C-alpha atoms as a PDB file:
ATOM      1  CA  MET A   1      97.224  90.224  30.450  1.00  0.00           C
ATOM      2  CA  MET A   2      99.926  87.692  29.443  1.00  0.00           C
ATOM      3  CA  PRO A   3      99.059  83.979  30.260  1.00  0.00           C
ATOM      4  CA  ILE A   4      99.272  82.558  33.725  1.00  0.00           C
ATOM      5  CA  THR A   5     101.472  79.791  34.022  1.00  0.00           C
ATOM      6  CA  GLU A   6     102.431  77.560  36.307  1.00  0.00           C
ATOM      7  CA  ALA A   7     105.768  79.526  37.672  1.00  0.00           C
ATOM      8  CA  ASP A   8     103.525  82.426  38.173  1.00  0.00           C
ATOM      9  CA  LEU A   9     101.357  80.913  40.680  1.00  0.00           C
ATOM     10  CA  HIS A  10     104.278  79.644  42.534  1.00  0.00           C
ATOM     11  CA  ALA A  11     105.808  83.214  42.534  1.00  0.00           C
ATOM     12  CA  TYR A  12     102.515  84.365  43.695  1.00  0.00           C
ATOM     13  CA  VAL A  13     102.461  81.734  46.872  1.00  0.00           C
ATOM     14  CA  ASP A  14     106.404  83.125  47.582  1.00  0.00           C
ATOM     15  CA  GLY A  15     105.473  86.849  46.801  1.00  0.00           C
ATOM     16  CA  GLU A  16     107.757  87.319  44.295  1.00  0.00           C
ATOM     17  CA  LEU A  17     105.310  89.283  41.862  1.00  0.00           C
ATOM     18  CA  SER A  18     105.296  93.028  40.729  1.00  0.00           C
ATOM     19  CA  PRO A  19     101.942  94.170  41.894  1.00  0.00           C
ATOM     20  CA  ALA A  20     101.037  94.469  38.724  1.00  0.00           C
ATOM     21  CA  ARG A  21     101.141  90.513  38.554  1.00  0.00           C
ATOM     22  CA  ARG A  22     100.194  89.800  41.372  1.00  0.00           C
ATOM     23  CA  ALA A  23      96.920  91.570  40.694  1.00  0.00           C
ATOM     24  CA  ASP A  24      96.791  89.452  37.364  1.00  0.00           C
ATOM     25  CA  VAL A  25      97.002  86.134  38.779  1.00  0.00           C
ATOM     26  CA  GLY A  26      94.725  87.077  41.553  1.00  0.00           C
ATOM     27  CA  ALA A  27      91.853  87.513  38.855  1.00  0.00           C
ATOM     28  CA  HIS A  28      92.918  84.432  37.405  1.00  0.00           C
ATOM     29  CA  LEU A  29      92.726  82.864  40.434  1.00  0.00           C
ATOM     30  CA  ALA A  30      89.235  84.247  41.120  1.00  0.00           C
ATOM     31  CA  ALA A  31      87.829  83.036  37.867  1.00  0.00           C
ATOM     32  CA  HIS A  32      89.687  79.586  38.377  1.00  0.00           C
ATOM     33  CA  PRO A  33      88.367  77.836  41.713  1.00  0.00           C
ATOM     34  CA  ASP A  34      90.716  74.911  40.777  1.00  0.00           C
ATOM     35  CA  ALA A  35      93.945  76.856  40.487  1.00  0.00           C
ATOM     36  CA  ALA A  36      92.842  78.871  43.573  1.00  0.00           C
ATOM     37  CA  VAL A  37      92.266  75.734  45.433  1.00  0.00           C
ATOM     38  CA  ARG A  38      96.144  74.424  44.384  1.00  0.00           C
ATOM     39  CA  VAL A  39      97.448  77.687  45.440  1.00  0.00           C
ATOM     40  CA  ARG A  40      95.948  77.596  49.000  1.00  0.00           C
ATOM     41  CA  ALA A  41      97.121  74.472  49.293  1.00  0.00           C
ATOM     42  CA  TRP A  42     100.912  75.484  48.419  1.00  0.00           C
ATOM     43  CA  GLN A  43     100.303  78.689  50.906  1.00  0.00           C
ATOM     44  CA  GLU A  44      99.574  76.054  53.762  1.00  0.00           C
ATOM     45  CA  GLN A  45     102.175  74.010  52.973  1.00  0.00           C
ATOM     46  CA  LYS A  46     104.690  77.043  53.431  1.00  0.00           C
ATOM     47  CA  ARG A  47     103.455  77.991  56.239  1.00  0.00           C
ATOM     48  CA  ALA A  48     103.409  74.730  57.787  1.00  0.00           C
ATOM     49  CA  LEU A  49     107.038  74.390  56.733  1.00  0.00           C
ATOM     50  CA  GLN A  50     107.883  78.018  58.443  1.00  0.00           C
ATOM     51  CA  ARG A  51     106.146  76.647  61.894  1.00  0.00           C
ATOM     52  CA  LEU A  52     108.087  73.526  61.531  1.00  0.00           C
ATOM     53  CA  PHE A  53     111.824  75.368  60.966  1.00  0.00           C
ATOM     54  CA  GLU A  54     111.045  78.780  62.839  1.00  0.00           C
ATOM     55  CA  PRO A  55     112.601  77.294  66.320  1.00  0.00           C
ATOM     56  CA  VAL A  56     115.453  76.260  64.117  1.00  0.00           C
ATOM     57  CA  LEU A  57     116.985  79.728  63.643  1.00  0.00           C
ATOM     58  CA  ASP A  58     117.158  80.585  67.290  1.00  0.00           C
ATOM     59  CA  GLU A  59     119.132  77.731  68.004  1.00  0.00           C
ATOM     60  CA  PRO A  60     122.870  77.646  68.393  1.00  0.00           C
ATOM     61  CA  ILE A  61     125.024  76.301  65.343  1.00  0.00           C
ATOM     62  CA  PRO A  62     126.579  73.183  66.170  1.00  0.00           C
ATOM     63  CA  PRO A  63     130.247  73.095  66.409  1.00  0.00           C
ATOM     64  CA  ALA A  64     130.524  71.131  63.386  1.00  0.00           C
ATOM     65  CA  LEU A  65     129.282  72.920  60.906  1.00  0.00           C
ATOM     66  CA  GLU A  66     130.690  75.998  61.845  1.00  0.00           C
ATOM     67  CA  ALA A  67     134.048  74.093  61.234  1.00  0.00           C
ATOM     68  CA  ALA A  68     133.074  72.634  58.047  1.00  0.00           C
ATOM     69  CA  ALA A  69     132.356  76.402  56.772  1.00  0.00           C
ATOM     70  CA  VAL A  70     136.136  77.520  57.651  1.00  0.00           C
ATOM     71  CA  PRO A  71     138.630  76.232  55.205  1.00  0.00           C
ATOM     72  CA  PRO A  72     141.319  74.249  56.791  1.00  0.00           C
ATOM     73  CA  GLY A  73     144.260  77.218  58.177  1.00  0.00           C
ATOM     74  CA  ALA A  74     142.112  80.218  57.949  1.00  0.00           C
ATOM     75  CA  ARG A  75     141.606  82.144  61.259  1.00  0.00           C
ATOM     76  CA  ARG A  76     138.679  80.649  63.101  1.00  0.00           C
ATOM     77  CA  SER A  77     137.237  83.709  64.843  1.00  0.00           C
ATOM     78  CA  ARG A  78     133.212  83.368  65.216  1.00  0.00           C
ATOM     79  CA  PRO A  79     131.352  85.459  63.163  1.00  0.00           C
ATOM     80  CA  PRO A  80     128.970  87.768  64.717  1.00  0.00           C
ATOM     81  CA  TRP A  81     125.581  86.450  65.792  1.00  0.00           C
ATOM     82  CA  PRO A  82     123.529  88.128  63.551  1.00  0.00           C
ATOM     83  CA  ALA A  83     125.737  87.077  60.475  1.00  0.00           C
ATOM     84  CA  LEU A  84     125.108  83.587  62.011  1.00  0.00           C
ATOM     85  CA  ARG A  85     121.261  84.095  62.244  1.00  0.00           C
ATOM     86  CA  ILE A  86     121.371  84.977  58.665  1.00  0.00           C
ATOM     87  CA  ALA A  87     123.254  82.311  57.255  1.00  0.00           C
ATOM     88  CA  ALA A  88     121.190  79.899  59.143  1.00  0.00           C
ATOM     89  CA  GLY A  89     118.009  81.677  57.318  1.00  0.00           C
ATOM     90  CA  LEU A  90     119.560  80.962  54.098  1.00  0.00           C
ATOM     91  CA  MET A  91     120.664  77.536  54.491  1.00  0.00           C
ATOM     92  CA  LEU A  92     116.801  76.367  55.402  1.00  0.00           C
ATOM     93  CA  ALA A  93     115.312  77.985  52.572  1.00  0.00           C
ATOM     94  CA  LEU A  94     118.054  76.783  50.005  1.00  0.00           C
ATOM     95  CA  LEU A  95     117.344  73.132  51.191  1.00  0.00           C
ATOM     96  CA  GLY A  96     113.468  73.439  51.925  1.00  0.00           C
ATOM     97  CA  GLY A  97     111.384  71.177  52.996  1.00  0.00           C
ATOM     98  CA  MET A  98     114.273  68.111  53.173  1.00  0.00           C
ATOM     99  CA  ALA A  99     116.418  69.981  55.491  1.00  0.00           C
ATOM    100  CA  GLY A 100     119.919  69.020  55.197  1.00  0.00           C
ATOM    101  CA  TRP A 101     123.075  70.759  56.645  1.00  0.00           C
ATOM    102  CA  TRP A 102     126.001  69.529  54.289  1.00  0.00           C
ATOM    103  CA  GLY A 103     129.722  70.249  55.337  1.00  0.00           C
ATOM    104  CA  HIS A 104     132.739  70.634  52.994  1.00  0.00           C
ATOM    105  CA  GLY A 105     136.478  68.636  52.776  1.00  0.00           C
ATOM    106  CA  ARG A 106     137.708  66.693  55.705  1.00  0.00           C
ATOM    107  CA  TYR A 107     134.851  68.320  58.210  1.00  0.00           C
ATOM    108  CA  GLN A 108     132.055  66.744  55.896  1.00  0.00           C
ATOM    109  CA  ALA A 109     131.537  63.272  57.409  1.00  0.00           C
ATOM    110  CA  SER A 110     131.373  64.428  61.109  1.00  0.00           C
ATOM    111  CA  ALA A 111     129.317  67.555  59.996  1.00  0.00           C
ATOM    112  CA  LEU A 112     126.467  65.541  57.992  1.00  0.00           C
ATOM    113  CA  ALA A 113     126.659  63.049  60.844  1.00  0.00           C
ATOM    114  CA  ASP A 114     125.662  65.665  63.516  1.00  0.00           C
ATOM    115  CA  ALA A 115     123.496  67.967  61.439  1.00  0.00           C
ATOM    116  CA  ARG A 116     121.302  64.791  59.903  1.00  0.00           C
ATOM    117  CA  PRO A 117     117.603  65.813  60.673  1.00  0.00           C
ATOM    118  CA  SER A 118     116.519  62.987  63.050  1.00  0.00           C
ATOM    119  CA  LEU A 119     113.583  60.125  62.632  1.00  0.00           C
ATOM    120  CA  PRO A 120     110.435  62.727  64.151  1.00  0.00           C
ATOM    121  CA  GLN A 121     111.846  65.199  62.216  1.00  0.00           C
ATOM    122  CA  GLN A 122     111.974  63.684  58.785  1.00  0.00           C
ATOM    123  CA  ALA A 123     108.419  62.508  59.749  1.00  0.00           C
ATOM    124  CA  ALA A 124     107.157  65.662  60.268  1.00  0.00           C
ATOM    125  CA  ILE A 125     108.941  67.378  57.600  1.00  0.00           C
ATOM    126  CA  ALA A 126     107.345  64.837  55.222  1.00  0.00           C
ATOM    127  CA  HIS A 127     104.088  65.369  56.781  1.00  0.00           C
ATOM    128  CA  ALA A 128     103.866  69.244  56.553  1.00  0.00           C
ATOM    129  CA  VAL A 129     104.829  68.671  52.746  1.00  0.00           C
ATOM    130  CA  TYR A 130     102.447  66.784  51.618  1.00  0.00           C
ATOM    131  CA  SER A 131      99.180  66.428  54.352  1.00  0.00           C
ATOM    132  CA  PRO A 132      97.899  69.918  52.580  1.00  0.00           C
ATOM    133  CA  ASP A 133      97.808  68.850  49.548  1.00  0.00           C
ATOM    134  CA  VAL A 134      94.554  68.820  47.961  1.00  0.00           C
ATOM    135  CA  ARG A 135      95.251  67.387  44.685  1.00  0.00           C
ATOM    136  CA  ARG A 136      97.434  64.803  45.251  1.00  0.00           C
ATOM    137  CA  PRO A 137      98.509  64.471  48.691  1.00  0.00           C
ATOM    138  CA  VAL A 138      99.617  60.509  47.468  1.00  0.00           C
ATOM    139  CA  GLU A 139     101.336  58.905  44.444  1.00  0.00           C
ATOM    140  CA  ILE A 140      99.228  55.496  44.597  1.00  0.00           C
ATOM    141  CA  GLY A 141      95.579  55.869  45.931  1.00  0.00           C
ATOM    142  CA  ALA A 142      94.075  53.586  48.613  1.00  0.00           C
ATOM    143  CA  ASP A 143      92.059  52.127  45.918  1.00  0.00           C
ATOM    144  CA  GLN A 144      95.362  50.122  44.773  1.00  0.00           C
ATOM    145  CA  GLU A 145      96.551  49.144  48.181  1.00  0.00           C
ATOM    146  CA  ALA A 146      98.108  45.768  47.212  1.00  0.00           C
ATOM    147  CA  GLN A 147      99.938  47.346  44.165  1.00  0.00           C
ATOM    148  CA  LEU A 148     101.244  49.972  46.252  1.00  0.00           C
ATOM    149  CA  VAL A 149     102.489  47.775  49.599  1.00  0.00           C
ATOM    150  CA  THR A 150     104.391  45.881  46.930  1.00  0.00           C
ATOM    151  CA  TRP A 151     105.883  49.058  45.309  1.00  0.00           C
ATOM    152  CA  LEU A 152     106.943  50.124  48.377  1.00  0.00           C
ATOM    153  CA  SER A 153     108.414  46.932  49.802  1.00  0.00           C
ATOM    154  CA  ARG A 154     110.702  46.174  46.953  1.00  0.00           C
ATOM    155  CA  ARG A 155     112.032  49.566  46.806  1.00  0.00           C
ATOM    156  CA  LEU A 156     112.673  49.275  50.488  1.00  0.00           C
ATOM    157  CA  GLY A 157     113.939  45.821  50.411  1.00  0.00           C
ATOM    158  CA  ARG A 158     111.783  44.753  53.047  1.00  0.00           C
ATOM    159  CA  ASP A 159     108.003  43.727  53.469  1.00  0.00           C
ATOM    160  CA  VAL A 160     105.959  46.782  54.701  1.00  0.00           C
ATOM    161  CA  ARG A 161     102.843  47.003  55.555  1.00  0.00           C
ATOM    162  CA  ALA A 162      99.621  49.742  56.049  1.00  0.00           C
ATOM    163  CA  PRO A 163      98.159  49.532  59.203  1.00  0.00           C
ATOM    164  CA  LYS A 164      94.327  49.437  59.013  1.00  0.00           C
ATOM    165  CA  LEU A 165      92.578  52.001  61.148  1.00  0.00           C
ATOM    166  CA  GLY A 166      88.978  51.981  60.137  1.00  0.00           C
ATOM    167  CA  GLY A 167      88.061  51.578  63.545  1.00  0.00           C
ATOM    168  CA  LEU A 168      89.882  54.518  64.918  1.00  0.00           C
ATOM    169  CA  GLY A 169      87.862  56.380  62.210  1.00  0.00           C
ATOM    170  CA  PHE A 170      90.968  57.030  60.053  1.00  0.00           C
ATOM    171  CA  GLU A 171      90.790  55.573  56.496  1.00  0.00           C
ATOM    172  CA  LEU A 172      93.877  55.085  54.541  1.00  0.00           C
ATOM    173  CA  VAL A 173      94.277  57.410  51.587  1.00  0.00           C
ATOM    174  CA  GLY A 174      97.468  56.126  49.900  1.00  0.00           C
ATOM    175  CA  GLY A 175     100.943  56.664  49.837  1.00  0.00           C
ATOM    176  CA  ARG A 176     104.201  57.411  48.084  1.00  0.00           C
ATOM    177  CA  LEU A 177     107.917  56.981  48.101  1.00  0.00           C
ATOM    178  CA  LEU A 178     110.168  59.419  49.705  1.00  0.00           C
ATOM    179  CA  PRO A 179     113.929  60.177  49.801  1.00  0.00           C
ATOM    180  CA  GLY A 180     115.730  59.476  52.866  1.00  0.00           C
ATOM    181  CA  SER A 181     119.173  60.582  54.350  1.00  0.00           C
ATOM    182  CA  GLU A 182     120.631  57.092  52.893  1.00  0.00           C
ATOM    183  CA  GLY A 183     118.039  55.652  50.620  1.00  0.00           C
ATOM    184  CA  PRO A 184     114.288  55.282  50.131  1.00  0.00           C
ATOM    185  CA  VAL A 185     111.192  55.995  52.168  1.00  0.00           C
ATOM    186  CA  ALA A 186     108.053  55.000  52.672  1.00  0.00           C
ATOM    187  CA  GLN A 187     104.691  57.303  53.901  1.00  0.00           C
ATOM    188  CA  PHE A 188     101.406  56.015  54.026  1.00  0.00           C
ATOM    189  CA  MET A 189      98.345  58.649  54.650  1.00  0.00           C
ATOM    190  CA  TYR A 190      95.179  58.762  56.381  1.00  0.00           C
ATOM    191  CA  GLN A 191      92.005  60.858  57.073  1.00  0.00           C
ATOM    192  CA  ASP A 192      88.799  60.824  59.091  1.00  0.00           C
ATOM    193  CA  ALA A 193      85.559  61.689  58.158  1.00  0.00           C
ATOM    194  CA  GLY A 194      86.346  65.801  59.093  1.00  0.00           C
ATOM    195  CA  GLY A 195      89.545  65.974  56.740  1.00  0.00           C
ATOM    196  CA  GLN A 196      91.987  65.355  59.425  1.00  0.00           C
ATOM    197  CA  ARG A 197      95.268  63.663  58.196  1.00  0.00           C
ATOM    198  CA  LEU A 198      97.986  61.891  59.459  1.00  0.00           C
ATOM    199  CA  THR A 199     100.932  59.958  58.001  1.00  0.00           C
ATOM    200  CA  LEU A 200     103.259  56.901  58.920  1.00  0.00           C
ATOM    201  CA  TYR A 201     106.665  57.424  57.748  1.00  0.00           C
ATOM    202  CA  VAL A 202     108.683  54.267  57.419  1.00  0.00           C
ATOM    203  CA  SER A 203     112.270  54.060  57.233  1.00  0.00           C
ATOM    204  CA  THR A 204     115.162  51.208  57.394  1.00  0.00           C
ATOM    205  CA  GLU A 205     117.555  53.983  58.668  1.00  0.00           C
ATOM    206  CA  ARG A 206     117.766  53.720  62.620  1.00  0.00           C
ATOM    207  CA  ASP A 207     120.983  56.064  63.095  1.00  0.00           C
ATOM    208  CA  GLY A 208     122.435  53.387  64.685  1.00  0.00           C
ATOM    209  CA  ASN A 209     119.981  53.620  67.455  1.00  0.00           C
ATOM    210  CA  PRO A 210     118.933  49.893  68.895  1.00  0.00           C
ATOM    211  CA  ASP A 211     116.190  51.441  71.660  1.00  0.00           C
ATOM    212  CA  THR A 212     112.813  50.234  70.711  1.00  0.00           C
ATOM    213  CA  ALA A 213     111.156  52.461  73.187  1.00  0.00           C
ATOM    214  CA  PHE A 214     107.628  54.341  72.302  1.00  0.00           C
ATOM    215  CA  ARG A 215     109.012  58.196  71.958  1.00  0.00           C
ATOM    216  CA  PHE A 216     106.585  61.436  71.451  1.00  0.00           C
ATOM    217  CA  ALA A 217     108.251  64.243  69.772  1.00  0.00           C
ATOM    218  CA  ARG A 218     106.812  67.989  69.005  1.00  0.00           C
ATOM    219  CA  GLU A 219     108.111  69.471  65.909  1.00  0.00           C
ATOM    220  CA  GLY A 220     106.843  72.953  65.329  1.00  0.00           C
ATOM    221  CA  GLY A 221     102.948  72.464  65.221  1.00  0.00           C
ATOM    222  CA  ILE A 222     103.160  68.749  64.122  1.00  0.00           C
ATOM    223  CA  ASN A 223     103.083  65.848  67.109  1.00  0.00           C
ATOM    224  CA  VAL A 224     104.898  62.765  66.520  1.00  0.00           C
ATOM    225  CA  PHE A 225     105.211  59.361  67.969  1.00  0.00           C
ATOM    226  CA  TYR A 226     108.215  56.958  66.928  1.00  0.00           C
ATOM    227  CA  TRP A 227     109.784  54.065  67.472  1.00  0.00           C
ATOM    228  CA  ILE A 228     112.117  51.125  66.186  1.00  0.00           C
ATOM    229  CA  ASP A 229     110.699  47.710  65.704  1.00  0.00           C
ATOM    230  CA  GLY A 230     113.013  44.817  63.891  1.00  0.00           C
ATOM    231  CA  PRO A 231     114.598  46.822  60.856  1.00  0.00           C
ATOM    232  CA  PHE A 232     112.294  49.471  60.566  1.00  0.00           C
ATOM    233  CA  GLY A 233     112.164  53.105  61.997  1.00  0.00           C
ATOM    234  CA  TYR A 234     108.162  53.906  62.335  1.00  0.00           C
ATOM    235  CA  ALA A 235     107.011  57.878  62.893  1.00  0.00           C
ATOM    236  CA  LEU A 236     103.425  58.756  62.801  1.00  0.00           C
ATOM    237  CA  SER A 237     102.794  62.525  62.242  1.00  0.00           C
ATOM    238  CA  ALA A 238      99.423  64.211  62.799  1.00  0.00           C
ATOM    239  CA  GLY A 239      98.307  67.779  64.256  1.00  0.00           C
ATOM    240  CA  VAL A 240      95.899  66.098  66.400  1.00  0.00           C
ATOM    241  CA  SER A 241      96.696  66.133  70.147  1.00  0.00           C
ATOM    242  CA  LYS A 242      98.802  64.123  71.570  1.00  0.00           C
ATOM    243  CA  ASP A 243      96.327  61.958  73.375  1.00  0.00           C
ATOM    244  CA  GLU A 244      94.494  61.402  70.181  1.00  0.00           C
ATOM    245  CA  LEU A 245      97.679  60.715  68.421  1.00  0.00           C
ATOM    246  CA  ALA A 246      98.601  57.999  71.056  1.00  0.00           C
ATOM    247  CA  ARG A 247      95.827  55.944  70.733  1.00  0.00           C
ATOM    248  CA  VAL A 248      96.303  55.799  67.074  1.00  0.00           C
ATOM    249  CA  ALA A 249     100.038  55.204  67.274  1.00  0.00           C
ATOM    250  CA  SER A 250      99.515  52.327  70.333  1.00  0.00           C
ATOM    251  CA  ALA A 251      97.089  50.745  67.322  1.00  0.00           C
ATOM    252  CA  VAL A 252      99.821  50.760  64.677  1.00  0.00           C
ATOM    253  CA  TYR A 253     102.508  49.497  66.997  1.00  0.00           C
ATOM    254  CA  ASP A 254      99.818  46.624  68.251  1.00  0.00           C
ATOM    255  CA  GLN A 255      99.070  45.999  64.208  1.00  0.00           C
ATOM    256  CA  LEU A 256     102.743  45.909  62.747  1.00  0.00           C
ATOM    257  CA  ASP A 257     104.306  44.116  66.124  1.00  0.00           C
ATOM    258  CA  LYS A 258     102.239  40.970  64.878  1.00  0.00           C
ATOM    259  CA  ARG A 259     103.878  40.969  61.410  1.00  0.00           C
END
């Protein structure tokens, strides 16, 4: 049997192996628990992303994107619905976790403005990608919290903080830097004694929205509370109930509002 590579493991998760090679990888996973744990985490990430984006396939295509797909001067006939659905699926597959739509030519600016994921959508995507990760859910752990906060503050160009949620049963796991639509974004991750994780997404991209109201969204199977406070947009995401997440979000809001 040929050695099992990292590419084989990813192909196993994506269902791209021949039956014989899939059997080889299955035997390898049975003999290597660490590799099996990694593969299960990737599978959960894939399922979470599928749950998050499946509803998008049934949404109408934004007019700006349809216009962006047609060269100037070409006949602007609407393709049949199955073709649009297939096209939408292909675009989601290509863009995967970051999920963006890209226009072309003179339609590019308006298409991007219409299609850029909202704050709760971006936060839910980041939560779905990183919260199931077993081996490396964060870049810098809670044991280096001061270093983490200093690093993220420097990259975002403003002081950020990691709220203390121990009183609510959630301890800081750590954090990471993420790419946003127009600049860097910070993500803090917390976990309770049962292994339930929640993430706080901190972005300086406010989409020009001055509304500071506390809002709720459900993206796929992920609940999100989000708000604007000063220079930041915050979004708290988790798979817990809306009521439980609301209690945590209120505590986060109160702590950050006292800066």
